[in-house]
Amino acid sequence: MGKKILILDDNERVAGMISQVLGRHGYDTCLAFDGAEGFEAVHREKPDLIILELQFCGPWGSRFFRMLTEVDAFKRIPLIVKSRGGDTYIPMERATASFLKPFNLLELLDVIDKNIGR
């Protein structure tokens, strides 16, 4: 069983594409398309890493980000943020890495490999 990555994005096509690429590289993935699903998935799936679309479902992206930084059980989970950039301010020191869209999937994979291995 590979390392598990939770992908939070309200765009099912984008989330599916990322999931397929990660799956081909030996990672298990789980997907969430809104904030409620995301909160449940973190508790249920206990992911090794989270990829968060910061603007997903309006304010839910930033709420989810804050939840991860405030709940002790989730503070150690590496978090990769992807965003449009510029339109939402959140201190990014908690993020393991951040990507502006459009982003390179191979660069994303490299950051994941360096943080949790395969």
N, C-alpha and C. Protein backbone atom coordinates (compact mmCIF):
# COMPACT_ATOMS: atom_id res chain seq x y z
N MET A 1 0.84 -1.18 0.00
CA MET A 1 0.00 0.00 0.00
C MET A 1 0.88 1.24 0.00
N GLY A 2 0.58 2.18 -0.91
CA GLY A 2 1.38 3.39 -1.03
C GLY A 2 0.97 4.45 -0.03
N LYS A 3 1.72 5.51 0.00
CA LYS A 3 1.38 6.65 0.84
C LYS A 3 0.08 7.26 0.33
N LYS A 4 -0.73 7.77 1.25
CA LYS A 4 -2.05 8.28 0.87
C LYS A 4 -2.02 9.81 0.80
N ILE A 5 -2.60 10.32 -0.28
CA ILE A 5 -2.69 11.76 -0.51
C ILE A 5 -4.15 12.14 -0.67
N LEU A 6 -4.57 13.13 0.12
CA LEU A 6 -5.91 13.68 0.01
C LEU A 6 -5.86 14.89 -0.91
N ILE A 7 -6.72 14.88 -1.93
CA ILE A 7 -6.80 15.99 -2.89
C ILE A 7 -8.14 16.69 -2.66
N LEU A 8 -8.07 17.96 -2.29
CA LEU A 8 -9.27 18.77 -2.06
C LEU A 8 -9.40 19.79 -3.17
N ASP A 9 -10.41 19.63 -3.99
CA ASP A 9 -10.61 20.53 -5.12
C ASP A 9 -12.06 20.42 -5.56
N ASP A 10 -12.73 21.53 -5.82
CA ASP A 10 -14.11 21.46 -6.27
C ASP A 10 -14.23 21.18 -7.76
N ASN A 11 -13.12 21.12 -8.46
CA ASN A 11 -13.11 20.78 -9.88
C ASN A 11 -12.79 19.29 -10.00
N GLU A 12 -13.81 18.47 -10.23
CA GLU A 12 -13.62 17.03 -10.26
C GLU A 12 -12.67 16.59 -11.36
N ARG A 13 -12.67 17.29 -12.48
CA ARG A 13 -11.77 16.93 -13.58
C ARG A 13 -10.32 17.12 -13.18
N VAL A 14 -10.01 18.25 -12.56
CA VAL A 14 -8.64 18.54 -12.12
C VAL A 14 -8.22 17.55 -11.03
N ALA A 15 -9.10 17.33 -10.05
CA ALA A 15 -8.78 16.39 -8.98
C ALA A 15 -8.54 14.99 -9.53
N GLY A 16 -9.36 14.58 -10.48
CA GLY A 16 -9.19 13.26 -11.10
C GLY A 16 -7.89 13.15 -11.87
N MET A 17 -7.51 14.20 -12.58
CA MET A 17 -6.25 14.20 -13.33
C MET A 17 -5.06 14.07 -12.38
N ILE A 18 -5.07 14.84 -11.30
CA ILE A 18 -3.98 14.76 -10.32
C ILE A 18 -3.95 13.37 -9.70
N SER A 19 -5.11 12.83 -9.37
CA SER A 19 -5.21 11.50 -8.78
C SER A 19 -4.63 10.43 -9.71
N GLN A 20 -4.94 10.51 -11.00
CA GLN A 20 -4.42 9.54 -11.96
C GLN A 20 -2.91 9.59 -12.04
N VAL A 21 -2.35 10.79 -12.12
CA VAL A 21 -0.89 10.94 -12.20
C VAL A 21 -0.24 10.37 -10.95
N LEU A 22 -0.77 10.72 -9.78
CA LEU A 22 -0.18 10.23 -8.53
C LEU A 22 -0.33 8.71 -8.42
N GLY A 23 -1.46 8.17 -8.86
CA GLY A 23 -1.66 6.73 -8.84
C GLY A 23 -0.65 6.00 -9.71
N ARG A 24 -0.34 6.56 -10.87
CA ARG A 24 0.65 5.94 -11.76
C ARG A 24 2.05 5.98 -11.15
N HIS A 25 2.26 6.83 -10.17
CA HIS A 25 3.56 6.94 -9.52
C HIS A 25 3.57 6.28 -8.13
N GLY A 26 2.58 5.44 -7.86
CA GLY A 26 2.59 4.62 -6.67
C GLY A 26 1.91 5.18 -5.44
N TYR A 27 1.21 6.29 -5.58
CA TYR A 27 0.50 6.87 -4.44
C TYR A 27 -0.96 6.46 -4.44
N ASP A 28 -1.52 6.26 -3.26
CA ASP A 28 -2.96 6.09 -3.11
C ASP A 28 -3.56 7.48 -2.92
N THR A 29 -4.72 7.71 -3.47
CA THR A 29 -5.36 9.02 -3.33
C THR A 29 -6.79 8.88 -2.86
N CYS A 30 -7.26 9.92 -2.23
CA CYS A 30 -8.67 10.06 -1.91
C CYS A 30 -9.03 11.50 -2.26
N LEU A 31 -10.28 11.71 -2.62
CA LEU A 31 -10.70 13.00 -3.12
C LEU A 31 -11.82 13.57 -2.26
N ALA A 32 -11.85 14.89 -2.16
CA ALA A 32 -12.95 15.60 -1.53
C ALA A 32 -13.25 16.82 -2.37
N PHE A 33 -14.54 17.10 -2.56
CA PHE A 33 -14.95 18.17 -3.46
C PHE A 33 -15.61 19.34 -2.75
N ASP A 34 -15.74 19.26 -1.44
CA ASP A 34 -16.24 20.41 -0.68
C ASP A 34 -15.67 20.34 0.74
N GLY A 35 -15.89 21.37 1.50
CA GLY A 35 -15.30 21.47 2.83
C GLY A 35 -15.73 20.37 3.77
N ALA A 36 -17.02 20.05 3.77
CA ALA A 36 -17.51 19.00 4.66
C ALA A 36 -16.85 17.66 4.35
N GLU A 37 -16.78 17.33 3.05
CA GLU A 37 -16.11 16.09 2.65
C GLU A 37 -14.64 16.12 3.06
N GLY A 38 -14.02 17.28 2.92
CA GLY A 38 -12.61 17.41 3.27
C GLY A 38 -12.36 17.14 4.74
N PHE A 39 -13.18 17.75 5.62
CA PHE A 39 -13.03 17.52 7.05
C PHE A 39 -13.21 16.04 7.39
N GLU A 40 -14.23 15.42 6.80
CA GLU A 40 -14.48 13.99 7.05
C GLU A 40 -13.32 13.14 6.55
N ALA A 41 -12.82 13.47 5.36
CA ALA A 41 -11.75 12.67 4.76
C ALA A 41 -10.46 12.72 5.58
N VAL A 42 -10.12 13.86 6.13
CA VAL A 42 -8.91 13.95 6.95
C VAL A 42 -9.04 13.02 8.16
N HIS A 43 -10.19 13.04 8.80
CA HIS A 43 -10.41 12.18 9.96
C HIS A 43 -10.43 10.70 9.58
N ARG A 44 -11.13 10.38 8.50
CA ARG A 44 -11.33 8.99 8.09
C ARG A 44 -10.09 8.39 7.43
N GLU A 45 -9.48 9.13 6.52
CA GLU A 45 -8.41 8.58 5.69
C GLU A 45 -7.01 8.72 6.30
N LYS A 46 -6.84 9.68 7.20
CA LYS A 46 -5.53 9.93 7.82
C LYS A 46 -4.43 10.01 6.75
N PRO A 47 -4.54 11.00 5.87
CA PRO A 47 -3.59 11.08 4.74
C PRO A 47 -2.17 11.42 5.20
N ASP A 48 -1.22 11.01 4.38
CA ASP A 48 0.18 11.33 4.62
C ASP A 48 0.52 12.73 4.11
N LEU A 49 -0.30 13.25 3.20
CA LEU A 49 -0.08 14.57 2.60
C LEU A 49 -1.42 15.06 2.06
N ILE A 50 -1.60 16.38 2.03
CA ILE A 50 -2.83 16.97 1.52
C ILE A 50 -2.48 17.98 0.43
N ILE A 51 -3.22 17.92 -0.67
CA ILE A 51 -3.14 18.94 -1.72
C ILE A 51 -4.44 19.72 -1.66
N LEU A 52 -4.33 21.02 -1.44
CA LEU A 52 -5.51 21.86 -1.22
C LEU A 52 -5.60 22.95 -2.27
N GLU A 53 -6.72 22.99 -2.98
CA GLU A 53 -7.05 24.11 -3.85
C GLU A 53 -7.56 25.20 -2.92
N LEU A 54 -6.79 26.25 -2.75
CA LEU A 54 -7.09 27.25 -1.73
C LEU A 54 -8.44 27.93 -1.95
N GLN A 55 -8.83 28.15 -3.19
CA GLN A 55 -10.09 28.81 -3.45
C GLN A 55 -11.25 27.84 -3.62
N PHE A 56 -11.05 26.56 -3.27
CA PHE A 56 -12.11 25.60 -3.54
C PHE A 56 -13.35 25.91 -2.72
N CYS A 57 -14.48 25.88 -3.39
CA CYS A 57 -15.79 26.12 -2.78
C CYS A 57 -15.82 27.42 -1.97
N GLY A 58 -15.38 28.48 -2.55
CA GLY A 58 -15.44 29.79 -1.89
C GLY A 58 -14.53 29.84 -0.67
N PRO A 59 -15.08 30.17 0.48
CA PRO A 59 -14.24 30.34 1.67
C PRO A 59 -13.76 29.04 2.29
N TRP A 60 -14.22 27.90 1.80
CA TRP A 60 -13.85 26.64 2.43
C TRP A 60 -12.37 26.34 2.34
N GLY A 61 -11.70 26.77 1.29
CA GLY A 61 -10.27 26.51 1.17
C GLY A 61 -9.49 27.15 2.30
N SER A 62 -9.75 28.42 2.56
CA SER A 62 -9.05 29.10 3.64
C SER A 62 -9.48 28.58 5.01
N ARG A 63 -10.75 28.21 5.17
CA ARG A 63 -11.20 27.61 6.43
C ARG A 63 -10.49 26.28 6.68
N PHE A 64 -10.41 25.49 5.64
CA PHE A 64 -9.75 24.19 5.77
C PHE A 64 -8.27 24.39 6.14
N PHE A 65 -7.64 25.35 5.49
CA PHE A 65 -6.24 25.67 5.78
C PHE A 65 -6.08 26.02 7.26
N ARG A 66 -6.94 26.89 7.77
CA ARG A 66 -6.86 27.28 9.18
C ARG A 66 -7.10 26.09 10.10
N MET A 67 -8.03 25.22 9.76
CA MET A 67 -8.30 24.05 10.57
C MET A 67 -7.05 23.18 10.68
N LEU A 68 -6.35 23.01 9.58
CA LEU A 68 -5.14 22.19 9.61
C LEU A 68 -4.04 22.81 10.45
N THR A 69 -4.02 24.13 10.52
CA THR A 69 -2.97 24.78 11.30
C THR A 69 -3.33 24.87 12.78
N GLU A 70 -4.59 24.68 13.12
CA GLU A 70 -5.03 24.86 14.50
C GLU A 70 -5.29 23.54 15.24
N VAL A 71 -5.52 22.45 14.54
CA VAL A 71 -5.82 21.17 15.18
C VAL A 71 -4.52 20.38 15.31
N ASP A 72 -4.15 20.08 16.55
CA ASP A 72 -2.88 19.40 16.81
C ASP A 72 -2.71 18.12 16.00
N ALA A 73 -3.77 17.33 15.88
CA ALA A 73 -3.68 16.05 15.18
C ALA A 73 -3.33 16.22 13.70
N PHE A 74 -3.56 17.40 13.13
CA PHE A 74 -3.33 17.61 11.70
C PHE A 74 -2.11 18.47 11.39
N LYS A 75 -1.50 19.04 12.40
CA LYS A 75 -0.39 19.98 12.18
C LYS A 75 0.80 19.34 11.47
N ARG A 76 1.00 18.06 11.64
CA ARG A 76 2.19 17.40 11.06
C ARG A 76 1.96 16.90 9.62
N ILE A 77 0.75 17.00 9.13
CA ILE A 77 0.47 16.54 7.77
C ILE A 77 1.02 17.57 6.79
N PRO A 78 1.94 17.16 5.90
CA PRO A 78 2.42 18.11 4.90
C PRO A 78 1.26 18.60 4.04
N LEU A 79 1.27 19.89 3.73
CA LEU A 79 0.19 20.54 3.00
C LEU A 79 0.75 21.28 1.80
N ILE A 80 0.28 20.91 0.63
CA ILE A 80 0.64 21.61 -0.60
C ILE A 80 -0.58 22.41 -1.04
N VAL A 81 -0.37 23.70 -1.25
CA VAL A 81 -1.45 24.60 -1.62
C VAL A 81 -1.29 24.98 -3.09
N LYS A 82 -2.40 24.92 -3.81
CA LYS A 82 -2.41 25.46 -5.16
C LYS A 82 -3.49 26.53 -5.22
N SER A 83 -3.21 27.60 -5.96
CA SER A 83 -4.16 28.71 -5.99
C SER A 83 -3.98 29.52 -7.27
N ARG A 84 -4.93 30.43 -7.44
CA ARG A 84 -4.84 31.39 -8.54
C ARG A 84 -3.83 32.47 -8.20
N GLY A 85 -3.58 32.64 -6.91
CA GLY A 85 -2.61 33.63 -6.46
C GLY A 85 -3.21 35.02 -6.38
N GLY A 86 -2.76 35.77 -5.40
CA GLY A 86 -3.11 37.17 -5.30
C GLY A 86 -4.49 37.50 -4.77
N ASP A 87 -5.46 36.59 -4.93
CA ASP A 87 -6.81 36.97 -4.55
C ASP A 87 -7.20 36.49 -3.14
N THR A 88 -6.34 35.77 -2.47
CA THR A 88 -6.62 35.33 -1.10
C THR A 88 -5.33 35.42 -0.31
N TYR A 89 -5.38 36.10 0.84
CA TYR A 89 -4.19 36.17 1.67
C TYR A 89 -4.33 35.23 2.86
N ILE A 90 -3.40 34.35 2.97
CA ILE A 90 -3.28 33.48 4.13
C ILE A 90 -1.79 33.30 4.36
N PRO A 91 -1.32 33.42 5.59
CA PRO A 91 0.11 33.18 5.82
C PRO A 91 0.49 31.78 5.36
N MET A 92 1.44 31.69 4.47
CA MET A 92 1.78 30.41 3.86
C MET A 92 2.92 29.68 4.56
N GLU A 93 3.39 30.16 5.71
CA GLU A 93 4.49 29.46 6.34
C GLU A 93 4.13 28.04 6.75
N ARG A 94 2.86 27.74 6.93
CA ARG A 94 2.43 26.38 7.27
C ARG A 94 2.48 25.45 6.06
N ALA A 95 2.34 26.01 4.88
CA ALA A 95 2.32 25.18 3.68
C ALA A 95 3.72 24.62 3.39
N THR A 96 3.76 23.36 3.03
CA THR A 96 5.01 22.71 2.63
C THR A 96 5.50 23.30 1.32
N ALA A 97 4.55 23.58 0.43
CA ALA A 97 4.85 24.18 -0.87
C ALA A 97 3.57 24.82 -1.38
N SER A 98 3.73 25.75 -2.30
CA SER A 98 2.56 26.34 -2.94
C SER A 98 2.83 26.47 -4.43
N PHE A 99 1.78 26.29 -5.19
CA PHE A 99 1.84 26.36 -6.65
C PHE A 99 0.78 27.31 -7.15
N LEU A 100 1.15 28.15 -8.10
CA LEU A 100 0.17 28.99 -8.78
C LEU A 100 -0.31 28.24 -10.02
N LYS A 101 -1.61 28.35 -10.29
CA LYS A 101 -2.16 27.71 -11.48
C LYS A 101 -1.87 28.57 -12.70
N PRO A 102 -1.61 27.95 -13.82
CA PRO A 102 -1.43 26.51 -14.02
C PRO A 102 -0.08 26.07 -13.46
N PHE A 103 0.00 24.83 -13.03
CA PHE A 103 1.23 24.32 -12.45
C PHE A 103 1.67 23.07 -13.18
N ASN A 104 2.93 22.71 -13.00
CA ASN A 104 3.53 21.57 -13.65
C ASN A 104 3.35 20.34 -12.75
N LEU A 105 2.70 19.30 -13.25
CA LEU A 105 2.45 18.10 -12.45
C LEU A 105 3.74 17.39 -12.05
N LEU A 106 4.76 17.47 -12.88
CA LEU A 106 6.03 16.83 -12.53
C LEU A 106 6.71 17.56 -11.37
N GLU A 107 6.57 18.89 -11.33
CA GLU A 107 7.11 19.64 -10.19
C GLU A 107 6.33 19.30 -8.92
N LEU A 108 5.02 19.16 -9.03
CA LEU A 108 4.20 18.76 -7.89
C LEU A 108 4.63 17.38 -7.39
N LEU A 109 4.82 16.45 -8.30
CA LEU A 109 5.25 15.10 -7.94
C LEU A 109 6.61 15.13 -7.25
N ASP A 110 7.52 15.96 -7.72
CA ASP A 110 8.84 16.08 -7.11
C ASP A 110 8.74 16.55 -5.67
N VAL A 111 7.88 17.56 -5.40
CA VAL A 111 7.69 18.05 -4.03
C VAL A 111 7.10 16.96 -3.15
N ILE A 112 6.14 16.22 -3.68
CA ILE A 112 5.53 15.13 -2.92
C ILE A 112 6.57 14.07 -2.58
N ASP A 113 7.34 13.65 -3.59
CA ASP A 113 8.38 12.64 -3.37
C ASP A 113 9.36 13.08 -2.29
N LYS A 114 9.76 14.33 -2.32
CA LYS A 114 10.73 14.83 -1.34
C LYS A 114 10.16 14.89 0.07
N ASN A 115 8.84 15.02 0.19
CA ASN A 115 8.21 15.15 1.50
C ASN A 115 7.75 13.83 2.12
N ILE A 116 7.25 12.92 1.31
CA ILE A 116 6.74 11.67 1.89
C ILE A 116 7.28 10.42 1.22
N GLY A 117 8.03 10.56 0.14
CA GLY A 117 8.55 9.37 -0.55
C GLY A 117 7.42 8.53 -1.11
N ARG A 118 7.80 7.43 -1.71
CA ARG A 118 6.76 6.56 -2.31
C ARG A 118 6.58 5.34 -1.48
